[in-house]
Amino acid sequence: QVQFVESGGGLVQPGGSLRLACTVSIETFSIHAMGWYRQGPGKQRDLVASIGTSTNTNYAGSVRGRFTISRDNAKNTVYLQMNSLKPEDTAVYYCNSMPPSGVVAWGQGTQVTVSS
């Protein structure tokens, strides 16, 4: 059964950093584009960053220059390095394929709270 398992969230002050990780239990991880998504309080879930099967990456305008997505195919893991965090980055962060799988359920996500 394919699963997305996110980790690394927490409480951080504005301007701080966090590194999220998502491990995917699938043998064909390397052939899938992956994305990090987030859902803030009372908001819809939106794509934050994506990475293709090579090194091509894309970012939402609100995080470009602050967040970096990367992947380690040997570990079936995708990362999101988040720097210069702002209160508006507070959300539950999820990973999924890009576009999101219509078959595999979303993981539990990891909570990121940016507050002083």
C-alpha atoms as a PDB file:
ATOM      1  CA  GLN A   1       0.000   0.000   0.000  1.00  0.00           C
ATOM      2  CA  VAL A   2       1.459   3.349  -1.064  1.00  0.00           C
ATOM      3  CA  GLN A   3       1.766   5.881   1.732  1.00  0.00           C
ATOM      4  CA  PHE A   4       3.013   9.443   2.122  1.00  0.00           C
ATOM      5  CA  VAL A   5       4.644  10.047   5.517  1.00  0.00           C
ATOM      6  CA  GLU A   6       5.503  13.671   6.317  1.00  0.00           C
ATOM      7  CA  SER A   7       7.700  14.868   9.174  1.00  0.00           C
ATOM      8  CA  GLY A   8       9.735  17.812  10.392  1.00  0.00           C
ATOM      9  CA  GLY A   9       7.090  20.357  11.265  1.00  0.00           C
ATOM     10  CA  GLY A  10       6.946  22.340  14.474  1.00  0.00           C
ATOM     11  CA  LEU A  11       6.705  25.731  16.084  1.00  0.00           C
ATOM     12  CA  VAL A  12       9.190  28.327  14.899  1.00  0.00           C
ATOM     13  CA  GLN A  13       9.578  32.063  15.297  1.00  0.00           C
ATOM     14  CA  PRO A  14       9.249  34.413  12.335  1.00  0.00           C
ATOM     15  CA  GLY A  15      12.475  34.412  10.365  1.00  0.00           C
ATOM     16  CA  GLY A  16      13.305  30.876  11.436  1.00  0.00           C
ATOM     17  CA  SER A  17      13.834  27.731   9.382  1.00  0.00           C
ATOM     18  CA  LEU A  18      12.473  24.212   9.182  1.00  0.00           C
ATOM     19  CA  ARG A  19      13.218  21.234   6.976  1.00  0.00           C
ATOM     20  CA  LEU A  20      10.345  18.962   6.101  1.00  0.00           C
ATOM     21  CA  ALA A  21      10.749  15.420   4.824  1.00  0.00           C
ATOM     22  CA  CYS A  22       8.310  13.074   3.134  1.00  0.00           C
ATOM     23  CA  THR A  23       8.984   9.413   2.575  1.00  0.00           C
ATOM     24  CA  VAL A  24       6.956   7.578  -0.041  1.00  0.00           C
ATOM     25  CA  SER A  25       6.510   3.833   0.054  1.00  0.00           C
ATOM     26  CA  ILE A  26       6.562   3.093  -3.672  1.00  0.00           C
ATOM     27  CA  GLU A  27       9.182   1.323  -5.768  1.00  0.00           C
ATOM     28  CA  THR A  28       8.725   3.681  -8.702  1.00  0.00           C
ATOM     29  CA  PHE A  29       9.337   6.881  -6.693  1.00  0.00           C
ATOM     30  CA  SER A  30      12.025   8.143  -9.068  1.00  0.00           C
ATOM     31  CA  ILE A  31       9.694   8.367 -12.063  1.00  0.00           C
ATOM     32  CA  HIS A  32       7.138  10.571 -10.342  1.00  0.00           C
ATOM     33  CA  ALA A  33       7.146  14.345 -10.114  1.00  0.00           C
ATOM     34  CA  MET A  34       6.510  15.309  -6.504  1.00  0.00           C
ATOM     35  CA  GLY A  35       5.007  18.290  -4.781  1.00  0.00           C
ATOM     36  CA  TRP A  36       4.646  19.896  -1.386  1.00  0.00           C
ATOM     37  CA  TYR A  37       1.214  21.292  -0.633  1.00  0.00           C
ATOM     38  CA  ARG A  38      -0.142  23.234   2.325  1.00  0.00           C
ATOM     39  CA  GLN A  39      -3.499  23.996   3.846  1.00  0.00           C
ATOM     40  CA  GLY A  40      -3.785  26.953   6.159  1.00  0.00           C
ATOM     41  CA  PRO A  41      -6.638  27.495   8.624  1.00  0.00           C
ATOM     42  CA  GLY A  42      -9.863  27.978   6.711  1.00  0.00           C
ATOM     43  CA  LYS A  43      -8.105  27.758   3.351  1.00  0.00           C
ATOM     44  CA  GLN A  44      -7.940  25.275   0.524  1.00  0.00           C
ATOM     45  CA  ARG A  45      -4.932  23.060  -0.031  1.00  0.00           C
ATOM     46  CA  ASP A  46      -2.489  24.665  -2.464  1.00  0.00           C
ATOM     47  CA  LEU A  47       0.687  23.593  -4.227  1.00  0.00           C
ATOM     48  CA  VAL A  48       3.761  25.212  -2.698  1.00  0.00           C
ATOM     49  CA  ALA A  49       6.619  23.628  -4.619  1.00  0.00           C
ATOM     50  CA  SER A  50       7.187  20.826  -7.087  1.00  0.00           C
ATOM     51  CA  ILE A  51      10.139  18.873  -8.415  1.00  0.00           C
ATOM     52  CA  GLY A  52      10.304  16.833 -11.565  1.00  0.00           C
ATOM     53  CA  THR A  53      12.063  13.563 -12.207  1.00  0.00           C
ATOM     54  CA  SER A  54      15.307  15.393 -12.841  1.00  0.00           C
ATOM     55  CA  THR A  55      16.191  18.603 -10.989  1.00  0.00           C
ATOM     56  CA  ASN A  56      13.607  20.975 -12.424  1.00  0.00           C
ATOM     57  CA  THR A  57      11.687  22.797  -9.710  1.00  0.00           C
ATOM     58  CA  ASN A  58       8.808  25.241  -9.491  1.00  0.00           C
ATOM     59  CA  TYR A  59       7.550  27.392  -6.630  1.00  0.00           C
ATOM     60  CA  ALA A  60       4.497  29.379  -5.703  1.00  0.00           C
ATOM     61  CA  GLY A  61       5.214  33.084  -5.807  1.00  0.00           C
ATOM     62  CA  SER A  62       4.676  33.463  -2.076  1.00  0.00           C
ATOM     63  CA  VAL A  63       7.572  31.123  -1.224  1.00  0.00           C
ATOM     64  CA  ARG A  64       9.981  31.608  -4.123  1.00  0.00           C
ATOM     65  CA  GLY A  65      13.415  32.538  -2.845  1.00  0.00           C
ATOM     66  CA  ARG A  66      12.651  31.252   0.664  1.00  0.00           C
ATOM     67  CA  PHE A  67      11.763  27.575   0.141  1.00  0.00           C
ATOM     68  CA  THR A  68      13.797  24.892  -1.626  1.00  0.00           C
ATOM     69  CA  ILE A  69      12.446  21.528  -2.706  1.00  0.00           C
ATOM     70  CA  SER A  70      14.762  18.589  -3.297  1.00  0.00           C
ATOM     71  CA  ARG A  71      14.593  14.822  -3.548  1.00  0.00           C
ATOM     72  CA  ASP A  72      16.704  11.772  -2.764  1.00  0.00           C
ATOM     73  CA  ASN A  73      15.547   8.921  -4.977  1.00  0.00           C
ATOM     74  CA  ALA A  74      17.735   6.406  -3.120  1.00  0.00           C
ATOM     75  CA  LYS A  75      15.720   7.150   0.035  1.00  0.00           C
ATOM     76  CA  ASN A  76      12.321   7.638  -1.646  1.00  0.00           C
ATOM     77  CA  THR A  77      12.217  11.010   0.095  1.00  0.00           C
ATOM     78  CA  VAL A  78      11.349  14.551  -0.909  1.00  0.00           C
ATOM     79  CA  TYR A  79      12.413  17.514   1.225  1.00  0.00           C
ATOM     80  CA  LEU A  80      11.277  21.084   1.702  1.00  0.00           C
ATOM     81  CA  GLN A  81      13.796  23.495   3.206  1.00  0.00           C
ATOM     82  CA  MET A  82      11.924  26.522   4.506  1.00  0.00           C
ATOM     83  CA  ASN A  83      13.832  29.669   5.422  1.00  0.00           C
ATOM     84  CA  SER A  84      12.740  33.156   6.476  1.00  0.00           C
ATOM     85  CA  LEU A  85       9.450  31.767   7.661  1.00  0.00           C
ATOM     86  CA  LYS A  86       6.493  34.104   8.049  1.00  0.00           C
ATOM     87  CA  PRO A  87       3.294  33.781  10.096  1.00  0.00           C
ATOM     88  CA  GLU A  88       1.371  33.321   6.841  1.00  0.00           C
ATOM     89  CA  ASP A  89       3.345  30.122   6.216  1.00  0.00           C
ATOM     90  CA  THR A  90       1.454  28.535   9.112  1.00  0.00           C
ATOM     91  CA  ALA A  91      -0.328  25.490   7.709  1.00  0.00           C
ATOM     92  CA  VAL A  92      -0.412  21.733   7.567  1.00  0.00           C
ATOM     93  CA  TYR A  93       2.084  20.645   4.929  1.00  0.00           C
ATOM     94  CA  TYR A  94       1.544  17.560   2.783  1.00  0.00           C
ATOM     95  CA  CYS A  95       3.446  15.848   0.033  1.00  0.00           C
ATOM     96  CA  ASN A  96       1.938  14.034  -2.917  1.00  0.00           C
ATOM     97  CA  SER A  97       2.731  13.374  -6.505  1.00  0.00           C
ATOM     98  CA  MET A  98       2.346  16.282  -8.899  1.00  0.00           C
ATOM     99  CA  PRO A  99      -0.410  16.334  -9.901  1.00  0.00           C
ATOM    100  CA  PRO A 100      -1.860  14.686  -6.796  1.00  0.00           C
ATOM    101  CA  SER A 101      -2.655  11.013  -7.038  1.00  0.00           C
ATOM    102  CA  GLY A 102      -6.344  10.280  -7.471  1.00  0.00           C
ATOM    103  CA  VAL A 103      -5.817   6.828  -5.994  1.00  0.00           C
ATOM    104  CA  VAL A 104      -3.434   7.157  -3.054  1.00  0.00           C
ATOM    105  CA  ALA A 105      -4.772   8.859   0.058  1.00  0.00           C
ATOM    106  CA  TRP A 106      -3.116  11.991   1.396  1.00  0.00           C
ATOM    107  CA  GLY A 107      -0.842  11.475   4.392  1.00  0.00           C
ATOM    108  CA  GLN A 108      -1.457  12.960   7.816  1.00  0.00           C
ATOM    109  CA  GLY A 109       0.628  16.014   6.996  1.00  0.00           C
ATOM    110  CA  THR A 110       2.959  17.884   9.323  1.00  0.00           C
ATOM    111  CA  GLN A 111       1.955  21.050  11.165  1.00  0.00           C
ATOM    112  CA  VAL A 112       4.082  24.152  10.724  1.00  0.00           C
ATOM    113  CA  THR A 113       3.328  27.051  13.040  1.00  0.00           C
ATOM    114  CA  VAL A 114       5.168  30.342  12.684  1.00  0.00           C
ATOM    115  CA  SER A 115       4.586  32.555  15.689  1.00  0.00           C
ATOM    116  CA  SER A 116       6.455  34.647  18.199  1.00  0.00           C
END
